[in-house]
Amino acid sequence: MSSLDYQRLALLGNKVRGGSATKPEKDEYMELLYRNGSVTKQQISDYRAGRNTEEILNAAVAVGAVLLIGYLIKQLFSK
């Protein structure tokens, strides 16, 4: 999980949440979460196939937010 680009995750998450993300940005966001193990193979497969994409993206935004909060807390207590 340490190899996750948290800045990129935050940027893409904000764009997805705000409705300004392009399809490639949404895809990148989902790929970041999938490579991190934060979304399942079934979720990424459904997303890629166009099944329940809005629901999956909404859930992914919540997951991304939790990851970022965890990262920030870790940074806070590591100082």
N, C-alpha and C. Protein backbone atom coordinates (compact mmCIF):
# COMPACT_ATOMS: atom_id res chain seq x y z
N MET A 1 0.83 -1.20 0.00
CA MET A 1 0.00 0.00 0.00
C MET A 1 0.87 1.25 0.00
N SER A 2 2.12 1.15 0.39
CA SER A 2 2.96 2.34 0.46
C SER A 2 3.29 2.89 -0.92
N SER A 3 3.14 2.09 -1.96
CA SER A 3 3.45 2.56 -3.30
C SER A 3 2.31 3.36 -3.92
N LEU A 4 1.21 3.46 -3.22
CA LEU A 4 0.06 4.21 -3.72
C LEU A 4 0.41 5.70 -3.79
N ASP A 5 0.12 6.32 -4.91
CA ASP A 5 0.35 7.75 -5.09
C ASP A 5 -0.84 8.49 -4.48
N TYR A 6 -0.69 8.89 -3.23
CA TYR A 6 -1.79 9.50 -2.50
C TYR A 6 -2.19 10.86 -3.07
N GLN A 7 -1.23 11.59 -3.58
CA GLN A 7 -1.56 12.89 -4.18
C GLN A 7 -2.41 12.70 -5.43
N ARG A 8 -2.03 11.73 -6.25
CA ARG A 8 -2.81 11.45 -7.46
C ARG A 8 -4.19 10.92 -7.08
N LEU A 9 -4.24 10.05 -6.08
CA LEU A 9 -5.51 9.51 -5.60
C LEU A 9 -6.42 10.65 -5.14
N ALA A 10 -5.86 11.60 -4.39
CA ALA A 10 -6.66 12.73 -3.90
C ALA A 10 -7.16 13.59 -5.05
N LEU A 11 -6.29 13.88 -6.00
CA LEU A 11 -6.68 14.71 -7.15
C LEU A 11 -7.80 14.05 -7.95
N LEU A 12 -7.60 12.78 -8.28
CA LEU A 12 -8.61 12.08 -9.06
C LEU A 12 -9.90 11.90 -8.27
N GLY A 13 -9.79 11.60 -6.98
CA GLY A 13 -10.97 11.44 -6.14
C GLY A 13 -11.79 12.71 -6.09
N ASN A 14 -11.12 13.85 -5.98
CA ASN A 14 -11.83 15.13 -5.98
C ASN A 14 -12.55 15.37 -7.29
N LYS A 15 -11.90 15.02 -8.39
CA LYS A 15 -12.53 15.22 -9.70
C LYS A 15 -13.73 14.29 -9.89
N VAL A 16 -13.57 13.04 -9.46
CA VAL A 16 -14.69 12.08 -9.58
C VAL A 16 -15.85 12.55 -8.71
N ARG A 17 -15.55 12.90 -7.47
CA ARG A 17 -16.59 13.35 -6.54
C ARG A 17 -17.27 14.61 -7.05
N GLY A 18 -16.51 15.52 -7.63
CA GLY A 18 -17.05 16.78 -8.12
C GLY A 18 -17.72 16.69 -9.47
N GLY A 19 -17.64 15.54 -10.12
CA GLY A 19 -18.29 15.35 -11.41
C GLY A 19 -17.52 15.92 -12.59
N SER A 20 -16.26 16.29 -12.39
CA SER A 20 -15.49 16.86 -13.50
C SER A 20 -14.47 15.90 -14.08
N ALA A 21 -14.42 14.67 -13.59
CA ALA A 21 -13.45 13.69 -14.09
C ALA A 21 -13.85 13.19 -15.47
N THR A 22 -12.85 13.07 -16.33
CA THR A 22 -13.07 12.48 -17.65
C THR A 22 -13.11 10.96 -17.51
N LYS A 23 -13.52 10.28 -18.54
CA LYS A 23 -13.55 8.81 -18.51
C LYS A 23 -12.16 8.25 -18.23
N PRO A 24 -11.10 8.74 -18.90
CA PRO A 24 -9.76 8.23 -18.58
C PRO A 24 -9.35 8.50 -17.13
N GLU A 25 -9.76 9.61 -16.56
CA GLU A 25 -9.44 9.89 -15.16
C GLU A 25 -10.20 8.95 -14.22
N LYS A 26 -11.45 8.67 -14.54
CA LYS A 26 -12.21 7.71 -13.74
C LYS A 26 -11.57 6.33 -13.82
N ASP A 27 -11.16 5.96 -15.03
CA ASP A 27 -10.50 4.67 -15.23
C ASP A 27 -9.21 4.60 -14.41
N GLU A 28 -8.42 5.66 -14.45
CA GLU A 28 -7.17 5.69 -13.69
C GLU A 28 -7.43 5.58 -12.19
N TYR A 29 -8.44 6.29 -11.73
CA TYR A 29 -8.81 6.23 -10.31
C TYR A 29 -9.16 4.80 -9.90
N MET A 30 -9.98 4.16 -10.70
CA MET A 30 -10.36 2.78 -10.39
C MET A 30 -9.14 1.85 -10.45
N GLU A 31 -8.26 2.06 -11.41
CA GLU A 31 -7.06 1.23 -11.52
C GLU A 31 -6.14 1.42 -10.31
N LEU A 32 -5.99 2.66 -9.84
CA LEU A 32 -5.19 2.92 -8.65
C LEU A 32 -5.73 2.12 -7.46
N LEU A 33 -7.04 2.20 -7.28
CA LEU A 33 -7.65 1.49 -6.16
C LEU A 33 -7.56 -0.03 -6.33
N TYR A 34 -7.71 -0.50 -7.54
CA TYR A 34 -7.62 -1.94 -7.80
C TYR A 34 -6.21 -2.45 -7.54
N ARG A 35 -5.22 -1.76 -8.06
CA ARG A 35 -3.82 -2.17 -7.85
C ARG A 35 -3.44 -2.13 -6.37
N ASN A 36 -4.09 -1.27 -5.62
CA ASN A 36 -3.85 -1.17 -4.18
C ASN A 36 -4.60 -2.27 -3.40
N GLY A 37 -5.49 -2.97 -4.05
CA GLY A 37 -6.28 -4.00 -3.38
C GLY A 37 -7.50 -3.44 -2.68
N SER A 38 -7.88 -2.22 -3.03
CA SER A 38 -8.99 -1.54 -2.35
C SER A 38 -10.34 -1.76 -3.01
N VAL A 39 -10.35 -2.26 -4.23
CA VAL A 39 -11.58 -2.70 -4.88
C VAL A 39 -11.35 -4.13 -5.36
N THR A 40 -12.41 -4.89 -5.43
CA THR A 40 -12.29 -6.31 -5.78
C THR A 40 -12.18 -6.50 -7.29
N LYS A 41 -11.80 -7.71 -7.66
CA LYS A 41 -11.73 -8.08 -9.07
C LYS A 41 -13.12 -7.97 -9.71
N GLN A 42 -14.13 -8.37 -8.97
CA GLN A 42 -15.50 -8.28 -9.48
C GLN A 42 -15.90 -6.83 -9.71
N GLN A 43 -15.56 -5.96 -8.78
CA GLN A 43 -15.90 -4.54 -8.93
C GLN A 43 -15.21 -3.93 -10.14
N ILE A 44 -13.92 -4.21 -10.31
CA ILE A 44 -13.21 -3.63 -11.45
C ILE A 44 -13.72 -4.23 -12.75
N SER A 45 -14.06 -5.50 -12.74
CA SER A 45 -14.62 -6.15 -13.94
C SER A 45 -15.97 -5.53 -14.31
N ASP A 46 -16.82 -5.33 -13.32
CA ASP A 46 -18.12 -4.71 -13.57
C ASP A 46 -17.94 -3.28 -14.07
N TYR A 47 -17.03 -2.55 -13.45
CA TYR A 47 -16.77 -1.18 -13.87
C TYR A 47 -16.32 -1.13 -15.33
N ARG A 48 -15.36 -1.98 -15.67
CA ARG A 48 -14.83 -2.01 -17.04
C ARG A 48 -15.90 -2.40 -18.05
N ALA A 49 -16.82 -3.27 -17.62
CA ALA A 49 -17.89 -3.72 -18.51
C ALA A 49 -19.05 -2.74 -18.58
N GLY A 50 -19.00 -1.69 -17.77
CA GLY A 50 -20.06 -0.69 -17.78
C GLY A 50 -21.27 -1.05 -16.94
N ARG A 51 -21.11 -2.01 -16.04
CA ARG A 51 -22.21 -2.42 -15.17
C ARG A 51 -22.12 -1.67 -13.84
N ASN A 52 -23.17 -1.00 -13.49
CA ASN A 52 -23.26 -0.29 -12.19
C ASN A 52 -22.10 0.68 -11.97
N THR A 53 -21.68 1.35 -13.02
CA THR A 53 -20.49 2.19 -12.91
C THR A 53 -20.66 3.32 -11.90
N GLU A 54 -21.81 3.95 -11.87
CA GLU A 54 -22.00 5.05 -10.92
C GLU A 54 -21.96 4.57 -9.48
N GLU A 55 -22.60 3.43 -9.21
CA GLU A 55 -22.58 2.88 -7.86
C GLU A 55 -21.17 2.48 -7.45
N ILE A 56 -20.45 1.86 -8.38
CA ILE A 56 -19.08 1.44 -8.10
C ILE A 56 -18.19 2.66 -7.89
N LEU A 57 -18.33 3.67 -8.72
CA LEU A 57 -17.54 4.89 -8.55
C LEU A 57 -17.85 5.58 -7.22
N ASN A 58 -19.12 5.63 -6.86
CA ASN A 58 -19.49 6.25 -5.58
C ASN A 58 -18.86 5.50 -4.41
N ALA A 59 -18.89 4.19 -4.47
CA ALA A 59 -18.26 3.39 -3.42
C ALA A 59 -16.74 3.59 -3.43
N ALA A 60 -16.17 3.68 -4.61
CA ALA A 60 -14.72 3.88 -4.74
C ALA A 60 -14.29 5.23 -4.16
N VAL A 61 -15.12 6.24 -4.32
CA VAL A 61 -14.82 7.56 -3.74
C VAL A 61 -14.77 7.45 -2.22
N ALA A 62 -15.69 6.72 -1.65
CA ALA A 62 -15.70 6.53 -0.20
C ALA A 62 -14.45 5.76 0.25
N VAL A 63 -14.10 4.73 -0.49
CA VAL A 63 -12.90 3.94 -0.17
C VAL A 63 -11.66 4.82 -0.27
N GLY A 64 -11.57 5.61 -1.34
CA GLY A 64 -10.44 6.50 -1.51
C GLY A 64 -10.33 7.50 -0.37
N ALA A 65 -11.45 8.01 0.08
CA ALA A 65 -11.45 8.97 1.20
C ALA A 65 -10.91 8.31 2.46
N VAL A 66 -11.32 7.09 2.72
CA VAL A 66 -10.83 6.37 3.90
C VAL A 66 -9.33 6.14 3.80
N LEU A 67 -8.85 5.77 2.62
CA LEU A 67 -7.41 5.58 2.43
C LEU A 67 -6.65 6.87 2.70
N LEU A 68 -7.17 7.97 2.19
CA LEU A 68 -6.50 9.26 2.39
C LEU A 68 -6.51 9.68 3.86
N ILE A 69 -7.61 9.46 4.54
CA ILE A 69 -7.68 9.78 5.97
C ILE A 69 -6.65 8.94 6.73
N GLY A 70 -6.58 7.66 6.41
CA GLY A 70 -5.59 6.79 7.05
C GLY A 70 -4.16 7.26 6.79
N TYR A 71 -3.91 7.67 5.57
CA TYR A 71 -2.58 8.18 5.20
C TYR A 71 -2.25 9.44 6.00
N LEU A 72 -3.20 10.34 6.07
CA LEU A 72 -2.96 11.58 6.81
C LEU A 72 -2.73 11.33 8.31
N ILE A 73 -3.48 10.43 8.88
CA ILE A 73 -3.30 10.08 10.29
C ILE A 73 -1.92 9.46 10.50
N LYS A 74 -1.53 8.58 9.59
CA LYS A 74 -0.20 7.97 9.68
C LYS A 74 0.89 9.02 9.62
N GLN A 75 0.74 9.99 8.70
CA GLN A 75 1.72 11.06 8.57
C GLN A 75 1.77 11.92 9.85
N LEU A 76 0.61 12.18 10.39
CA LEU A 76 0.53 12.99 11.60
C LEU A 76 1.28 12.34 12.77
N PHE A 77 1.07 11.03 12.95
CA PHE A 77 1.67 10.36 14.09
C PHE A 77 3.10 9.89 13.83
N SER A 78 3.57 9.98 12.62
CA SER A 78 4.96 9.58 12.34
C SER A 78 5.93 10.73 12.57
N LYS A 79 5.42 11.90 12.92
CA LYS A 79 6.29 13.06 13.14
C LYS A 79 6.55 13.28 14.60
